[in-house]
Protein backbone atom coordinates (compact mmCIF):
# COMPACT_ATOMS: atom_id res chain seq x y z
CA MET A 1 -10.48 -24.35 2.19
CA PHE A 2 -6.86 -23.68 1.30
CA GLY A 3 -6.63 -20.68 3.63
CA MET A 4 -9.16 -18.56 1.76
CA LEU A 5 -9.24 -14.91 2.77
CA PRO A 6 -12.25 -12.65 2.28
CA PHE A 7 -11.97 -10.25 -0.62
CA GLU A 8 -12.69 -6.64 0.28
CA ARG A 9 -13.80 -4.19 -2.35
CA HIS A 10 -12.73 -0.58 -1.76
CA SER A 11 -13.96 2.43 -3.65
CA ASP A 12 -10.69 4.27 -2.96
CA ASN A 13 -8.84 6.11 -5.63
CA LEU A 14 -5.24 5.23 -6.46
CA PHE A 15 -3.79 7.77 -4.02
CA GLN A 16 -5.83 6.46 -1.10
CA MET A 17 -4.82 2.89 -1.91
CA MET A 18 -1.12 3.85 -2.05
CA ASP A 19 -1.43 5.75 1.23
CA ARG A 20 -3.10 2.76 2.90
CA LEU A 21 -0.44 0.40 1.49
CA GLN A 22 2.35 2.61 2.83
CA ARG A 23 0.76 2.72 6.30
CA GLU A 24 0.36 -1.06 6.34
CA MET A 25 3.92 -1.72 5.15
CA LEU A 26 5.44 0.69 7.67
CA GLY A 27 3.58 -0.85 10.57
CA GLY A 28 0.74 1.61 10.94
CA THR A 29 2.80 4.78 11.22
CA SER A 30 -0.10 6.97 10.16
CA GLY A 31 0.11 8.86 13.46
CA LEU A 32 3.53 10.31 12.68
CA PRO A 33 3.75 14.05 12.13
CA ASP A 34 4.35 15.50 8.67
CA PHE A 35 7.76 16.80 9.70
CA ARG A 36 10.00 16.17 12.67
CA THR A 37 10.51 18.75 15.40
CA ASP A 38 12.76 18.94 18.43
CA ILE A 39 11.99 21.31 21.31
CA ARG A 40 14.51 22.05 24.03
CA GLU A 41 14.64 24.46 26.94
CA ASP A 42 17.57 26.89 26.97
CA GLY A 43 17.42 29.12 30.02
CA ASP A 44 14.88 31.90 29.50
CA HIS A 45 13.61 30.55 26.17
CA TYR A 46 12.74 27.41 24.23
CA VAL A 47 14.31 26.42 20.90
CA LEU A 48 12.18 24.60 18.32
CA ASP A 49 13.97 22.91 15.40
CA ALA A 50 11.75 21.74 12.54
CA GLU A 51 13.20 19.62 9.75
CA LEU A 52 11.92 20.91 6.39
CA PRO A 53 14.42 19.66 3.78
CA GLY A 54 13.80 20.61 0.17
CA PHE A 55 11.85 23.77 0.99
CA GLN A 56 12.88 27.33 0.28
CA LYS A 57 12.45 30.02 2.92
CA GLU A 58 9.66 31.53 0.81
CA ASP A 59 7.72 28.23 0.95
CA ILE A 60 7.38 28.41 4.76
CA SER A 61 4.92 30.51 6.76
CA LEU A 62 4.58 31.00 10.51
CA ASP A 63 1.35 32.24 12.10
CA VAL A 64 0.33 32.83 15.71
CA LYS A 65 -3.32 33.15 16.66
CA ASP A 66 -5.05 32.49 19.98
CA ASN A 67 -1.85 31.08 21.56
CA VAL A 68 -1.38 28.58 18.73
CA LEU A 69 1.74 28.69 16.54
CA THR A 70 1.21 27.13 13.12
CA ILE A 71 4.09 26.18 10.85
CA SER A 72 3.04 25.64 7.23
CA ALA A 73 5.19 24.67 4.27
CA GLN A 74 4.06 24.22 0.69
CA HIS A 75 6.24 23.05 -2.18
CA GLN A 76 5.55 22.86 -5.91
CA GLU A 77 8.04 21.52 -8.43
CA SER A 78 7.71 20.86 -12.13
CA GLN A 79 10.20 19.32 -14.56
CA ASP A 80 9.52 19.36 -18.29
CA GLN A 81 11.56 17.76 -21.07
CA LYS A 82 10.49 18.36 -24.66
CA ASP A 83 11.83 17.22 -28.01
CA ASP A 84 12.64 19.54 -30.94
CA GLN A 85 8.97 19.75 -31.98
CA GLY A 86 7.85 20.76 -28.49
CA ASN A 87 6.31 17.39 -27.63
CA TYR A 88 6.75 16.14 -24.11
CA LEU A 89 9.23 13.34 -23.56
CA ARG A 90 8.84 13.56 -19.83
CA ARG A 91 6.80 15.78 -17.56
CA GLU A 92 6.89 15.36 -13.80
CA ARG A 93 5.14 17.36 -11.11
CA ARG A 94 5.44 17.18 -7.36
CA PHE A 95 3.32 19.01 -4.81
CA GLY A 96 3.58 18.83 -1.07
CA SER A 97 2.03 20.61 1.86
CA PHE A 98 2.79 20.23 5.56
CA ARG A 99 1.26 21.87 8.61
CA ARG A 100 1.78 21.52 12.36
CA SER A 101 0.43 23.54 15.25
CA PHE A 102 1.88 24.11 18.73
CA ASP A 103 0.43 25.54 21.93
CA VAL A 104 2.46 28.65 22.82
CA SER A 105 0.67 29.73 25.99
CA GLY A 106 3.40 30.81 28.38
CA ILE A 107 5.47 32.20 25.48
CA ASP A 108 6.09 35.88 24.75
CA VAL A 109 4.77 35.71 21.17
CA SER A 110 6.00 39.23 20.35
CA GLY A 111 9.59 38.05 20.89
CA ILE A 112 9.54 34.92 18.70
CA THR A 113 12.35 34.87 16.11
CA ALA A 114 12.95 32.40 13.28
CA ALA A 115 15.81 31.39 10.98
CA TYR A 116 16.00 28.82 8.18
CA ASN A 117 19.31 27.19 7.31
CA SER A 118 20.19 23.93 5.50
CA GLY A 119 16.64 22.54 5.68
CA VAL A 120 16.15 23.24 9.39
CA LEU A 121 13.78 25.94 10.67
CA THR A 122 14.89 27.21 14.09
CA LEU A 123 12.54 29.23 16.28
CA ASN A 124 13.53 30.96 19.51
CA LEU A 125 10.51 31.11 21.80
CA PRO A 126 11.10 33.41 24.80
CA LYS A 127 9.29 32.45 27.96
CA ALA A 128 6.67 34.93 29.12
CA GLN A 129 7.73 36.72 32.28
CA PRO A 130 5.20 36.28 35.06
CA ALA A 131 3.48 39.50 35.97
CA VAL A 132 4.63 40.56 39.41
CA ASP A 133 1.97 42.39 41.35
CA ALA A 134 3.85 45.25 42.95
CA GLY A 135 0.80 46.04 45.01
CA ARG A 136 -0.56 49.48 45.65
CA ARG A 137 -1.59 51.58 48.56
CA ILE A 138 -5.24 52.52 48.75
CA ALA A 139 -6.00 55.90 50.15
CA ILE A 140 -8.76 56.18 52.73
CA GLU A 141 -11.18 59.03 52.16
């Protein structure tokens, strides 16, 4: 009758509903990473560029454990406007946290360097040099 659609009741909070609406409107892009990265090979090392606009260098942390490199960024911002009596006219807060992990097996983790400039984090990831077995002579007793 008249193209009736079933009504679904969700017990989501407002944030979950907005997140679901955004995913549906953008064509199900929920699988996209939190921030964009580009990785390119440059001779004896790889270069990883991660786009982190709006972050300060102090907001970003890099950790390596068990051949996994984790890039984390956390941002907190607060804007307050008060009138002469100290009452709020406007108060806005914004919090954001991003995290991505990368497999760095085959990388010399002790030689990784990082720089942050104009919202782009650049990591130089030197390739691990294969261990060459020089061999050895075994004495006969």
